[in-house]
Amino acid sequence: MNKKVVRLRRARKTRAKIAELKAVRLTVFRSNSHIYAQIIDGDGSRVLAAASTVEKDVRSQVSTGGNKQAAELVGKLIAERAKAAGVEAVAFDRAGFLYHGRVKALAEAAREGGLKF
């Protein structure tokens, strides 16, 4: 097994529980260069809000998309966009990534921005 398969296996349990609860979820994906966040509705069919370091306005504010500072900026931005979409409470789906470093920075910034999870 490679790292990706193991990560996706870890993610499957979390996603199954969130799907069972029919909760709106905040999904995070990180690559070496960027970090992405999406708010997905309870049945998993629509993306309600999205933010990433690929966006032009975010790239102008950070030097690189693969650090904690960029993750914090994306966390604040996703919280702001979720509020605009009418979402206040979410379930955090870390997609099998460990709750550490950039994933943790994004989550804490989203909490500071007003999302509850």
PDB file of N, CA and C in Angstrom:
ATOM      1  N   MET A   1       0.831  -1.182   0.000  1.00  0.00           N
ATOM      2  CA  MET A   1       0.000   0.000   0.000  1.00  0.00           C
ATOM      3  C   MET A   1       0.878   1.248   0.000  1.00  0.00           C
ATOM      4  N   ASN A   2       0.414   2.238  -0.729  1.00  0.00           N
ATOM      5  CA  ASN A   2       1.156   3.490  -0.715  1.00  0.00           C
ATOM      6  C   ASN A   2       0.478   4.505   0.204  1.00  0.00           C
ATOM      7  N   LYS A   3       1.109   5.666   0.371  1.00  0.00           N
ATOM      8  CA  LYS A   3       0.614   6.663   1.316  1.00  0.00           C
ATOM      9  C   LYS A   3      -0.778   7.164   0.967  1.00  0.00           C
ATOM     10  N   LYS A   4      -1.052   7.313  -0.316  1.00  0.00           N
ATOM     11  CA  LYS A   4      -2.355   7.842  -0.727  1.00  0.00           C
ATOM     12  C   LYS A   4      -3.477   6.868  -0.377  1.00  0.00           C
ATOM     13  N   VAL A   5      -3.258   5.597  -0.621  1.00  0.00           N
ATOM     14  CA  VAL A   5      -4.269   4.579  -0.321  1.00  0.00           C
ATOM     15  C   VAL A   5      -4.542   4.538   1.185  1.00  0.00           C
ATOM     16  N   VAL A   6      -3.503   4.614   1.989  1.00  0.00           N
ATOM     17  CA  VAL A   6      -3.651   4.587   3.436  1.00  0.00           C
ATOM     18  C   VAL A   6      -4.421   5.821   3.909  1.00  0.00           C
ATOM     19  N   ARG A   7      -4.107   6.982   3.357  1.00  0.00           N
ATOM     20  CA  ARG A   7      -4.812   8.216   3.725  1.00  0.00           C
ATOM     21  C   ARG A   7      -6.290   8.128   3.367  1.00  0.00           C
ATOM     22  N   LEU A   8      -6.595   7.632   2.178  1.00  0.00           N
ATOM     23  CA  LEU A   8      -7.988   7.521   1.749  1.00  0.00           C
ATOM     24  C   LEU A   8      -8.754   6.495   2.585  1.00  0.00           C
ATOM     25  N   ARG A   9      -8.077   5.462   3.044  1.00  0.00           N
ATOM     26  CA  ARG A   9      -8.704   4.486   3.929  1.00  0.00           C
ATOM     27  C   ARG A   9      -9.073   5.146   5.258  1.00  0.00           C
ATOM     28  N   ARG A  10      -8.165   5.983   5.788  1.00  0.00           N
ATOM     29  CA  ARG A  10      -8.461   6.727   7.018  1.00  0.00           C
ATOM     30  C   ARG A  10      -9.633   7.672   6.805  1.00  0.00           C
ATOM     31  N   ALA A  11      -9.691   8.309   5.635  1.00  0.00           N
ATOM     32  CA  ALA A  11     -10.735   9.289   5.334  1.00  0.00           C
ATOM     33  C   ALA A  11     -12.105   8.636   5.216  1.00  0.00           C
ATOM     34  N   ARG A  12     -12.145   7.398   4.781  1.00  0.00           N
ATOM     35  CA  ARG A  12     -13.418   6.722   4.537  1.00  0.00           C
ATOM     36  C   ARG A  12     -14.272   6.627   5.801  1.00  0.00           C
ATOM     37  N   LYS A  13     -13.652   6.346   6.940  1.00  0.00           N
ATOM     38  CA  LYS A  13     -14.391   6.233   8.199  1.00  0.00           C
ATOM     39  C   LYS A  13     -15.051   7.559   8.570  1.00  0.00           C
ATOM     40  N   THR A  14     -14.283   8.620   8.491  1.00  0.00           N
ATOM     41  CA  THR A  14     -14.807   9.940   8.837  1.00  0.00           C
ATOM     42  C   THR A  14     -15.940  10.332   7.910  1.00  0.00           C
ATOM     43  N   ARG A  15     -15.754  10.123   6.635  1.00  0.00           N
ATOM     44  CA  ARG A  15     -16.783  10.509   5.665  1.00  0.00           C
ATOM     45  C   ARG A  15     -18.051   9.684   5.846  1.00  0.00           C
ATOM     46  N   ALA A  16     -17.923   8.432   6.219  1.00  0.00           N
ATOM     47  CA  ALA A  16     -19.095   7.588   6.461  1.00  0.00           C
ATOM     48  C   ALA A  16     -19.889   8.107   7.648  1.00  0.00           C
ATOM     49  N   LYS A  17     -19.214   8.503   8.704  1.00  0.00           N
ATOM     50  CA  LYS A  17     -19.892   9.019   9.894  1.00  0.00           C
ATOM     51  C   LYS A  17     -20.576  10.347   9.589  1.00  0.00           C
ATOM     52  N   ILE A  18     -19.891  11.229   8.854  1.00  0.00           N
ATOM     53  CA  ILE A  18     -20.468  12.527   8.505  1.00  0.00           C
ATOM     54  C   ILE A  18     -21.677  12.338   7.590  1.00  0.00           C
ATOM     55  N   ALA A  19     -21.601  11.398   6.664  1.00  0.00           N
ATOM     56  CA  ALA A  19     -22.724  11.124   5.760  1.00  0.00           C
ATOM     57  C   ALA A  19     -23.916  10.577   6.538  1.00  0.00           C
ATOM     58  N   GLU A  20     -23.636   9.767   7.536  1.00  0.00           N
ATOM     59  CA  GLU A  20     -24.700   9.211   8.376  1.00  0.00           C
ATOM     60  C   GLU A  20     -25.437  10.314   9.130  1.00  0.00           C
ATOM     61  N   LEU A  21     -24.701  11.328   9.568  1.00  0.00           N
ATOM     62  CA  LEU A  21     -25.288  12.447  10.308  1.00  0.00           C
ATOM     63  C   LEU A  21     -25.960  13.472   9.397  1.00  0.00           C
ATOM     64  N   LYS A  22     -25.713  13.372   8.091  1.00  0.00           N
ATOM     65  CA  LYS A  22     -26.229  14.346   7.111  1.00  0.00           C
ATOM     66  C   LYS A  22     -25.790  15.770   7.464  1.00  0.00           C
ATOM     67  N   ALA A  23     -24.558  15.899   7.909  1.00  0.00           N
ATOM     68  CA  ALA A  23     -24.025  17.190   8.330  1.00  0.00           C
ATOM     69  C   ALA A  23     -23.323  17.891   7.170  1.00  0.00           C
ATOM     70  N   VAL A  24     -23.379  19.209   7.177  1.00  0.00           N
ATOM     71  CA  VAL A  24     -22.596  20.007   6.232  1.00  0.00           C
ATOM     72  C   VAL A  24     -21.144  19.847   6.652  1.00  0.00           C
ATOM     73  N   ARG A  25     -20.240  19.637   5.685  1.00  0.00           N
ATOM     74  CA  ARG A  25     -18.858  19.363   6.061  1.00  0.00           C
ATOM     75  C   ARG A  25     -17.878  20.350   5.443  1.00  0.00           C
ATOM     76  N   LEU A  26     -16.835  20.592   6.194  1.00  0.00           N
ATOM     77  CA  LEU A  26     -15.702  21.392   5.728  1.00  0.00           C
ATOM     78  C   LEU A  26     -14.615  20.398   5.365  1.00  0.00           C
ATOM     79  N   THR A  27     -14.330  20.271   4.073  1.00  0.00           N
ATOM     80  CA  THR A  27     -13.345  19.321   3.580  1.00  0.00           C
ATOM     81  C   THR A  27     -12.047  20.043   3.252  1.00  0.00           C
ATOM     82  N   VAL A  28     -10.949  19.449   3.641  1.00  0.00           N
ATOM     83  CA  VAL A  28      -9.632  20.037   3.401  1.00  0.00           C
ATOM     84  C   VAL A  28      -8.808  19.085   2.556  1.00  0.00           C
ATOM     85  N   PHE A  29      -8.109  19.623   1.577  1.00  0.00           N
ATOM     86  CA  PHE A  29      -7.125  18.848   0.821  1.00  0.00           C
ATOM     87  C   PHE A  29      -5.849  19.659   0.784  1.00  0.00           C
ATOM     88  N   ARG A  30      -4.734  18.992   1.036  1.00  0.00           N
ATOM     89  CA  ARG A  30      -3.455  19.701   0.947  1.00  0.00           C
ATOM     90  C   ARG A  30      -2.524  18.957   0.009  1.00  0.00           C
ATOM     91  N   SER A  31      -1.826  19.731  -0.786  1.00  0.00           N
ATOM     92  CA  SER A  31      -0.759  19.181  -1.610  1.00  0.00           C
ATOM     93  C   SER A  31       0.531  19.832  -1.121  1.00  0.00           C
ATOM     94  N   ASN A  32       1.628  19.517  -1.737  1.00  0.00           N
ATOM     95  CA  ASN A  32       2.882  20.145  -1.323  1.00  0.00           C
ATOM     96  C   ASN A  32       2.876  21.647  -1.584  1.00  0.00           C
ATOM     97  N   SER A  33       2.187  22.068  -2.640  1.00  0.00           N
ATOM     98  CA  SER A  33       2.225  23.465  -3.050  1.00  0.00           C
ATOM     99  C   SER A  33       1.039  24.293  -2.600  1.00  0.00           C
ATOM    100  N   HIS A  34      -0.116  23.679  -2.367  1.00  0.00           N
ATOM    101  CA  HIS A  34      -1.336  24.431  -2.101  1.00  0.00           C
ATOM    102  C   HIS A  34      -2.190  23.742  -1.051  1.00  0.00           C
ATOM    103  N   ILE A  35      -3.203  24.474  -0.576  1.00  0.00           N
ATOM    104  CA  ILE A  35      -4.205  23.907   0.324  1.00  0.00           C
ATOM    105  C   ILE A  35      -5.577  24.376  -0.147  1.00  0.00           C
ATOM    106  N   TYR A  36      -6.542  23.481  -0.105  1.00  0.00           N
ATOM    107  CA  TYR A  36      -7.881  23.744  -0.627  1.00  0.00           C
ATOM    108  C   TYR A  36      -8.900  23.434   0.465  1.00  0.00           C
ATOM    109  N   ALA A  37      -9.995  24.201   0.526  1.00  0.00           N
ATOM    110  CA  ALA A  37     -11.071  23.940   1.478  1.00  0.00           C
ATOM    111  C   ALA A  37     -12.403  24.127   0.773  1.00  0.00           C
ATOM    112  N   GLN A  38     -13.349  23.239   1.069  1.00  0.00           N
ATOM    113  CA  GLN A  38     -14.687  23.327   0.497  1.00  0.00           C
ATOM    114  C   GLN A  38     -15.724  23.068   1.579  1.00  0.00           C
ATOM    115  N   ILE A  39     -16.845  23.778   1.494  1.00  0.00           N
ATOM    116  CA  ILE A  39     -18.006  23.501   2.324  1.00  0.00           C
ATOM    117  C   ILE A  39     -18.981  22.739   1.438  1.00  0.00           C
ATOM    118  N   ILE A  40     -19.319  21.501   1.823  1.00  0.00           N
ATOM    119  CA  ILE A  40     -20.182  20.632   1.024  1.00  0.00           C
ATOM    120  C   ILE A  40     -21.454  20.363   1.811  1.00  0.00           C
ATOM    121  N   ASP A  41     -22.616  20.432   1.142  1.00  0.00           N
ATOM    122  CA  ASP A  41     -23.889  20.257   1.846  1.00  0.00           C
ATOM    123  C   ASP A  41     -24.063  18.827   2.354  1.00  0.00           C
ATOM    124  N   GLY A  42     -25.103  18.625   3.156  1.00  0.00           N
ATOM    125  CA  GLY A  42     -25.303  17.368   3.881  1.00  0.00           C
ATOM    126  C   GLY A  42     -25.387  16.119   3.033  1.00  0.00           C
ATOM    127  N   ASP A  43     -26.002  16.211   1.850  1.00  0.00           N
ATOM    128  CA  ASP A  43     -26.102  15.006   1.022  1.00  0.00           C
ATOM    129  C   ASP A  43     -24.917  14.852   0.079  1.00  0.00           C
ATOM    130  N   GLY A  44     -23.976  15.784   0.088  1.00  0.00           N
ATOM    131  CA  GLY A  44     -22.755  15.661  -0.693  1.00  0.00           C
ATOM    132  C   GLY A  44     -22.893  16.004  -2.160  1.00  0.00           C
ATOM    133  N   SER A  45     -23.987  16.662  -2.535  1.00  0.00           N
ATOM    134  CA  SER A  45     -24.213  16.929  -3.951  1.00  0.00           C
ATOM    135  C   SER A  45     -23.783  18.319  -4.411  1.00  0.00           C
ATOM    136  N   ARG A  46     -23.663  19.267  -3.468  1.00  0.00           N
ATOM    137  CA  ARG A  46     -23.328  20.632  -3.874  1.00  0.00           C
ATOM    138  C   ARG A  46     -22.204  21.208  -3.028  1.00  0.00           C
ATOM    139  N   VAL A  47     -21.346  21.991  -3.672  1.00  0.00           N
ATOM    140  CA  VAL A  47     -20.325  22.752  -2.965  1.00  0.00           C
ATOM    141  C   VAL A  47     -20.925  24.121  -2.679  1.00  0.00           C
ATOM    142  N   LEU A  48     -21.026  24.468  -1.396  1.00  0.00           N
ATOM    143  CA  LEU A  48     -21.638  25.726  -0.994  1.00  0.00           C
ATOM    144  C   LEU A  48     -20.638  26.874  -0.988  1.00  0.00           C
ATOM    145  N   ALA A  49     -19.381  26.572  -0.672  1.00  0.00           N
ATOM    146  CA  ALA A  49     -18.329  27.594  -0.647  1.00  0.00           C
ATOM    147  C   ALA A  49     -16.984  26.906  -0.842  1.00  0.00           C
ATOM    148  N   ALA A  50     -16.039  27.640  -1.386  1.00  0.00           N
ATOM    149  CA  ALA A  50     -14.701  27.087  -1.606  1.00  0.00           C
ATOM    150  C   ALA A  50     -13.655  28.180  -1.484  1.00  0.00           C
ATOM    151  N   ALA A  51     -12.459  27.795  -1.076  1.00  0.00           N
ATOM    152  CA  ALA A  51     -11.330  28.720  -1.002  1.00  0.00           C
ATOM    153  C   ALA A  51     -10.051  27.904  -1.148  1.00  0.00           C
ATOM    154  N   SER A  52      -9.053  28.501  -1.766  1.00  0.00           N
ATOM    155  CA  SER A  52      -7.774  27.807  -1.898  1.00  0.00           C
ATOM    156  C   SER A  52      -6.659  28.818  -2.140  1.00  0.00           C
ATOM    157  N   THR A  53      -5.438  28.327  -2.077  1.00  0.00           N
ATOM    158  CA  THR A  53      -4.288  29.182  -2.316  1.00  0.00           C
ATOM    159  C   THR A  53      -4.023  29.365  -3.804  1.00  0.00           C
ATOM    160  N   VAL A  54      -4.816  28.742  -4.649  1.00  0.00           N
ATOM    161  CA  VAL A  54      -4.658  28.889  -6.094  1.00  0.00           C
ATOM    162  C   VAL A  54      -5.295  30.200  -6.573  1.00  0.00           C
ATOM    163  N   GLU A  55      -6.252  30.725  -5.795  1.00  0.00           N
ATOM    164  CA  GLU A  55      -6.963  31.943  -6.182  1.00  0.00           C
ATOM    165  C   GLU A  55      -6.005  33.126  -6.270  1.00  0.00           C
ATOM    166  N   LYS A  56      -6.285  34.004  -7.202  1.00  0.00           N
ATOM    167  CA  LYS A  56      -5.397  35.115  -7.502  1.00  0.00           C
ATOM    168  C   LYS A  56      -5.222  36.060  -6.306  1.00  0.00           C
ATOM    169  N   ASP A  57      -6.325  36.399  -5.628  1.00  0.00           N
ATOM    170  CA  ASP A  57      -6.216  37.332  -4.501  1.00  0.00           C
ATOM    171  C   ASP A  57      -5.466  36.728  -3.317  1.00  0.00           C
ATOM    172  N   VAL A  58      -5.556  35.415  -3.133  1.00  0.00           N
ATOM    173  CA  VAL A  58      -4.815  34.745  -2.055  1.00  0.00           C
ATOM    174  C   VAL A  58      -3.339  34.672  -2.410  1.00  0.00           C
ATOM    175  N   ARG A  59      -3.035  34.355  -3.659  1.00  0.00           N
ATOM    176  CA  ARG A  59      -1.627  34.269  -4.093  1.00  0.00           C
ATOM    177  C   ARG A  59      -0.904  35.591  -3.938  1.00  0.00           C
ATOM    178  N   SER A  60      -1.631  36.698  -4.104  1.00  0.00           N
ATOM    179  CA  SER A  60      -0.988  38.006  -3.976  1.00  0.00           C
ATOM    180  C   SER A  60      -0.638  38.320  -2.522  1.00  0.00           C
ATOM    181  N   GLN A  61      -1.315  37.661  -1.560  1.00  0.00           N
ATOM    182  CA  GLN A  61      -1.093  37.951  -0.144  1.00  0.00           C
ATOM    183  C   GLN A  61      -0.043  37.058   0.510  1.00  0.00           C
ATOM    184  N   VAL A  62       0.226  35.885  -0.075  1.00  0.00           N
ATOM    185  CA  VAL A  62       1.202  34.971   0.514  1.00  0.00           C
ATOM    186  C   VAL A  62       2.301  34.651  -0.489  1.00  0.00           C
ATOM    187  N   SER A  63       3.481  34.345   0.047  1.00  0.00           N
ATOM    188  CA  SER A  63       4.604  34.054  -0.840  1.00  0.00           C
ATOM    189  C   SER A  63       4.490  32.662  -1.460  1.00  0.00           C
ATOM    190  N   THR A  64       4.039  31.698  -0.651  1.00  0.00           N
ATOM    191  CA  THR A  64       3.876  30.335  -1.141  1.00  0.00           C
ATOM    192  C   THR A  64       2.592  29.748  -0.562  1.00  0.00           C
ATOM    193  N   GLY A  65       1.977  28.846  -1.277  1.00  0.00           N
ATOM    194  CA  GLY A  65       0.721  28.259  -0.832  1.00  0.00           C
ATOM    195  C   GLY A  65       0.897  27.065   0.080  1.00  0.00           C
ATOM    196  N   GLY A  66       2.123  26.652   0.319  1.00  0.00           N
ATOM    197  CA  GLY A  66       2.367  25.436   1.087  1.00  0.00           C
ATOM    198  C   GLY A  66       2.889  25.690   2.483  1.00  0.00           C
ATOM    199  N   ASN A  67       2.395  26.724   3.171  1.00  0.00           N
ATOM    200  CA  ASN A  67       2.839  26.967   4.543  1.00  0.00           C
ATOM    201  C   ASN A  67       1.655  27.298   5.453  1.00  0.00           C
ATOM    202  N   LYS A  68       1.903  27.426   6.749  1.00  0.00           N
ATOM    203  CA  LYS A  68       0.843  27.666   7.717  1.00  0.00           C
ATOM    204  C   LYS A  68       0.165  29.012   7.522  1.00  0.00           C
ATOM    205  N   GLN A  69       0.938  30.010   7.128  1.00  0.00           N
ATOM    206  CA  GLN A  69       0.367  31.350   6.913  1.00  0.00           C
ATOM    207  C   GLN A  69      -0.691  31.299   5.819  1.00  0.00           C
ATOM    208  N   ALA A  70      -0.417  30.601   4.754  1.00  0.00           N
ATOM    209  CA  ALA A  70      -1.380  30.458   3.664  1.00  0.00           C
ATOM    210  C   ALA A  70      -2.601  29.672   4.129  1.00  0.00           C
ATOM    211  N   ALA A  71      -2.398  28.638   4.940  1.00  0.00           N
ATOM    212  CA  ALA A  71      -3.506  27.837   5.451  1.00  0.00           C
ATOM    213  C   ALA A  71      -4.418  28.674   6.345  1.00  0.00           C
ATOM    214  N   GLU A  72      -3.832  29.533   7.167  1.00  0.00           N
ATOM    215  CA  GLU A  72      -4.625  30.412   8.023  1.00  0.00           C
ATOM    216  C   GLU A  72      -5.468  31.369   7.186  1.00  0.00           C
ATOM    217  N   LEU A  73      -4.891  31.902   6.143  1.00  0.00           N
ATOM    218  CA  LEU A  73      -5.619  32.814   5.261  1.00  0.00           C
ATOM    219  C   LEU A  73      -6.792  32.101   4.589  1.00  0.00           C
ATOM    220  N   VAL A  74      -6.579  30.882   4.126  1.00  0.00           N
ATOM    221  CA  VAL A  74      -7.649  30.104   3.497  1.00  0.00           C
ATOM    222  C   VAL A  74      -8.725  29.767   4.530  1.00  0.00           C
ATOM    223  N   GLY A  75      -8.340  29.476   5.772  1.00  0.00           N
ATOM    224  CA  GLY A  75      -9.300  29.195   6.835  1.00  0.00           C
ATOM    225  C   GLY A  75     -10.207  30.380   7.114  1.00  0.00           C
ATOM    226  N   LYS A  76      -9.627  31.566   7.186  1.00  0.00           N
ATOM    227  CA  LYS A  76     -10.431  32.776   7.409  1.00  0.00           C
ATOM    228  C   LYS A  76     -11.353  33.035   6.228  1.00  0.00           C
ATOM    229  N   LEU A  77     -10.840  32.821   5.034  1.00  0.00           N
ATOM    230  CA  LEU A  77     -11.620  33.062   3.815  1.00  0.00           C
ATOM    231  C   LEU A  77     -12.781  32.080   3.700  1.00  0.00           C
ATOM    232  N   ILE A  78     -12.572  30.807   4.014  1.00  0.00           N
ATOM    233  CA  ILE A  78     -13.650  29.822   3.911  1.00  0.00           C
ATOM    234  C   ILE A  78     -14.720  30.095   4.964  1.00  0.00           C
ATOM    235  N   ALA A  79     -14.321  30.564   6.152  1.00  0.00           N
ATOM    236  CA  ALA A  79     -15.297  30.903   7.190  1.00  0.00           C
ATOM    237  C   ALA A  79     -16.165  32.076   6.738  1.00  0.00           C
ATOM    238  N   GLU A  80     -15.538  33.055   6.143  1.00  0.00           N
ATOM    239  CA  GLU A  80     -16.261  34.234   5.638  1.00  0.00           C
ATOM    240  C   GLU A  80     -17.250  33.834   4.545  1.00  0.00           C
ATOM    241  N   ARG A  81     -16.812  32.985   3.626  1.00  0.00           N
ATOM    242  CA  ARG A  81     -17.677  32.554   2.519  1.00  0.00           C
ATOM    243  C   ARG A  81     -18.792  31.623   2.998  1.00  0.00           C
ATOM    244  N   ALA A  82     -18.511  30.821   4.010  1.00  0.00           N
ATOM    245  CA  ALA A  82     -19.538  29.936   4.562  1.00  0.00           C
ATOM    246  C   ALA A  82     -20.631  30.762   5.234  1.00  0.00           C
ATOM    247  N   LYS A  83     -20.239  31.791   5.971  1.00  0.00           N
ATOM    248  CA  LYS A  83     -21.224  32.674   6.602  1.00  0.00           C
ATOM    249  C   LYS A  83     -22.085  33.348   5.551  1.00  0.00           C
ATOM    250  N   ALA A  84     -21.475  33.762   4.454  1.00  0.00           N
ATOM    251  CA  ALA A  84     -22.221  34.394   3.364  1.00  0.00           C
ATOM    252  C   ALA A  84     -23.211  33.411   2.737  1.00  0.00           C
ATOM    253  N   ALA A  85     -22.885  32.115   2.753  1.00  0.00           N
ATOM    254  CA  ALA A  85     -23.767  31.085   2.204  1.00  0.00           C
ATOM    255  C   ALA A  85     -24.807  30.624   3.225  1.00  0.00           C
ATOM    256  N   GLY A  86     -24.727  31.157   4.449  1.00  0.00           N
ATOM    257  CA  GLY A  86     -25.699  30.803   5.474  1.00  0.00           C
ATOM    258  C   GLY A  86     -25.340  29.579   6.298  1.00  0.00           C
ATOM    259  N   VAL A  87     -24.077  29.205   6.294  1.00  0.00           N
ATOM    260  CA  VAL A  87     -23.625  28.026   7.049  1.00  0.00           C
ATOM    261  C   VAL A  87     -22.876  28.500   8.282  1.00  0.00           C
ATOM    262  N   GLU A  88     -23.263  27.978   9.455  1.00  0.00           N
ATOM    263  CA  GLU A  88     -22.587  28.364  10.687  1.00  0.00           C
ATOM    264  C   GLU A  88     -21.907  27.174  11.369  1.00  0.00           C
ATOM    265  N   ALA A  89     -22.507  25.972  11.233  1.00  0.00           N
ATOM    266  CA  ALA A  89     -21.954  24.781  11.881  1.00  0.00           C
ATOM    267  C   ALA A  89     -21.611  23.741  10.819  1.00  0.00           C
ATOM    268  N   VAL A  90     -20.434  23.144  10.945  1.00  0.00           N
ATOM    269  CA  VAL A  90     -19.965  22.152   9.981  1.00  0.00           C
ATOM    270  C   VAL A  90     -19.325  20.984  10.722  1.00  0.00           C
ATOM    271  N   ALA A  91     -19.121  19.894  10.000  1.00  0.00           N
ATOM    272  CA  ALA A  91     -18.318  18.775  10.485  1.00  0.00           C
ATOM    273  C   ALA A  91     -16.974  18.873   9.752  1.00  0.00           C
ATOM    274  N   PHE A  92     -15.883  18.716  10.475  1.00  0.00           N
ATOM    275  CA  PHE A  92     -14.557  18.879   9.873  1.00  0.00           C
ATOM    276  C   PHE A  92     -14.095  17.569   9.266  1.00  0.00           C
ATOM    277  N   ASP A  93     -13.910  17.556   7.954  1.00  0.00           N
ATOM    278  CA  ASP A  93     -13.421  16.392   7.228  1.00  0.00           C
ATOM    279  C   ASP A  93     -11.992  16.680   6.804  1.00  0.00           C
ATOM    280  N   ARG A  94     -11.045  16.078   7.488  1.00  0.00           N
ATOM    281  CA  ARG A  94      -9.638  16.354   7.184  1.00  0.00           C
ATOM    282  C   ARG A  94      -9.098  15.444   6.094  1.00  0.00           C
ATOM    283  N   ALA A  95      -9.961  14.627   5.503  1.00  0.00           N
ATOM    284  CA  ALA A  95      -9.627  13.773   4.355  1.00  0.00           C
ATOM    285  C   ALA A  95      -8.463  12.824   4.631  1.00  0.00           C
ATOM    286  N   GLY A  96      -8.363  12.352   5.867  1.00  0.00           N
ATOM    287  CA  GLY A  96      -7.317  11.395   6.204  1.00  0.00           C
ATOM    288  C   GLY A  96      -5.984  12.025   6.561  1.00  0.00           C
ATOM    289  N   PHE A  97      -5.866  13.348   6.417  1.00  0.00           N
ATOM    290  CA  PHE A  97      -4.632  14.023   6.790  1.00  0.00           C
ATOM    291  C   PHE A  97      -4.590  14.157   8.311  1.00  0.00           C
ATOM    292  N   LEU A  98      -3.407  14.120   8.888  1.00  0.00           N
ATOM    293  CA  LEU A  98      -3.278  14.271  10.322  1.00  0.00           C
ATOM    294  C   LEU A  98      -3.636  15.690  10.735  1.00  0.00           C
ATOM    295  N   TYR A  99      -4.254  15.831  11.906  1.00  0.00           N
ATOM    296  CA  TYR A  99      -4.633  17.146  12.426  1.00  0.00           C
ATOM    297  C   TYR A  99      -3.384  17.790  13.017  1.00  0.00           C
ATOM    298  N   HIS A 100      -2.585  18.373  12.136  1.00  0.00           N
ATOM    299  CA  HIS A 100      -1.278  18.888  12.515  1.00  0.00           C
ATOM    300  C   HIS A 100      -0.829  19.853  11.439  1.00  0.00           C
ATOM    301  N   GLY A 101      -0.051  20.828  11.785  1.00  0.00           N
ATOM    302  CA  GLY A 101       0.539  21.721  10.792  1.00  0.00           C
ATOM    303  C   GLY A 101      -0.474  22.555  10.042  1.00  0.00           C
ATOM    304  N   ARG A 102      -0.474  22.439   8.724  1.00  0.00           N
ATOM    305  CA  ARG A 102      -1.332  23.267   7.879  1.00  0.00           C
ATOM    306  C   ARG A 102      -2.812  22.965   8.060  1.00  0.00           C
ATOM    307  N   VAL A 103      -3.158  21.698   8.257  1.00  0.00           N
ATOM    308  CA  VAL A 103      -4.563  21.321   8.453  1.00  0.00           C
ATOM    309  C   VAL A 103      -5.077  21.930   9.754  1.00  0.00           C
ATOM    310  N   LYS A 104      -4.280  21.857  10.799  1.00  0.00           N
ATOM    311  CA  LYS A 104      -4.647  22.433  12.088  1.00  0.00           C
ATOM    312  C   LYS A 104      -4.751  23.958  11.993  1.00  0.00           C
ATOM    313  N   ALA A 105      -3.827  24.595  11.299  1.00  0.00           N
ATOM    314  CA  ALA A 105      -3.852  26.047  11.141  1.00  0.00           C
ATOM    315  C   ALA A 105      -5.116  26.494  10.417  1.00  0.00           C
ATOM    316  N   LEU A 106      -5.506  25.777   9.371  1.00  0.00           N
ATOM    317  CA  LEU A 106      -6.724  26.098   8.637  1.00  0.00           C
ATOM    318  C   LEU A 106      -7.947  25.937   9.536  1.00  0.00           C
ATOM    319  N   ALA A 107      -8.013  24.861  10.293  1.00  0.00           N
ATOM    320  CA  ALA A 107      -9.159  24.602  11.166  1.00  0.00           C
ATOM    321  C   ALA A 107      -9.292  25.672  12.247  1.00  0.00           C
ATOM    322  N   GLU A 108      -8.187  26.036  12.863  1.00  0.00           N
ATOM    323  CA  GLU A 108      -8.236  27.044  13.921  1.00  0.00           C
ATOM    324  C   GLU A 108      -8.620  28.411  13.373  1.00  0.00           C
ATOM    325  N   ALA A 109      -8.140  28.743  12.180  1.00  0.00           N
ATOM    326  CA  ALA A 109      -8.508  30.022  11.561  1.00  0.00           C
ATOM    327  C   ALA A 109      -9.991  30.041  11.192  1.00  0.00           C
ATOM    328  N   ALA A 110     -10.521  28.909  10.748  1.00  0.00           N
ATOM    329  CA  ALA A 110     -11.948  28.824  10.423  1.00  0.00           C
ATOM    330  C   ALA A 110     -12.790  28.982  11.685  1.00  0.00           C
ATOM    331  N   ARG A 111     -12.333  28.402  12.785  1.00  0.00           N
ATOM    332  CA  ARG A 111     -13.041  28.564  14.064  1.00  0.00           C
ATOM    333  C   ARG A 111     -13.021  30.022  14.508  1.00  0.00           C
ATOM    334  N   GLU A 112     -11.876  30.677  14.372  1.00  0.00           N
ATOM    335  CA  GLU A 112     -11.781  32.097  14.719  1.00  0.00           C
ATOM    336  C   GLU A 112     -12.684  32.948  13.826  1.00  0.00           C
ATOM    337  N   GLY A 113     -12.862  32.497  12.589  1.00  0.00           N
ATOM    338  CA  GLY A 113     -13.720  33.216  11.647  1.00  0.00           C
ATOM    339  C   GLY A 113     -15.206  33.027  11.929  1.00  0.00           C
ATOM    340  N   GLY A 114     -15.559  32.134  12.867  1.00  0.00           N
ATOM    341  CA  GLY A 114     -16.946  31.986  13.262  1.00  0.00           C
ATOM    342  C   GLY A 114     -17.604  30.662  12.937  1.00  0.00           C
ATOM    343  N   LEU A 115     -16.889  29.742  12.290  1.00  0.00           N
ATOM    344  CA  LEU A 115     -17.479  28.421  12.024  1.00  0.00           C
ATOM    345  C   LEU A 115     -17.426  27.590  13.306  1.00  0.00           C
ATOM    346  N   LYS A 116     -18.462  26.802  13.525  1.00  0.00           N
ATOM    347  CA  LYS A 116     -18.513  25.953  14.712  1.00  0.00           C
ATOM    348  C   LYS A 116     -18.347  24.490  14.281  1.00  0.00           C
ATOM    349  N   PHE A 117     -17.327  23.835  14.852  1.00  0.00           N
ATOM    350  CA  PHE A 117     -17.116  22.396  14.662  1.00  0.00           C
ATOM    351  C   PHE A 117     -16.234  21.856  15.743  1.00  0.00           C
TER     352      PHE A 117
END
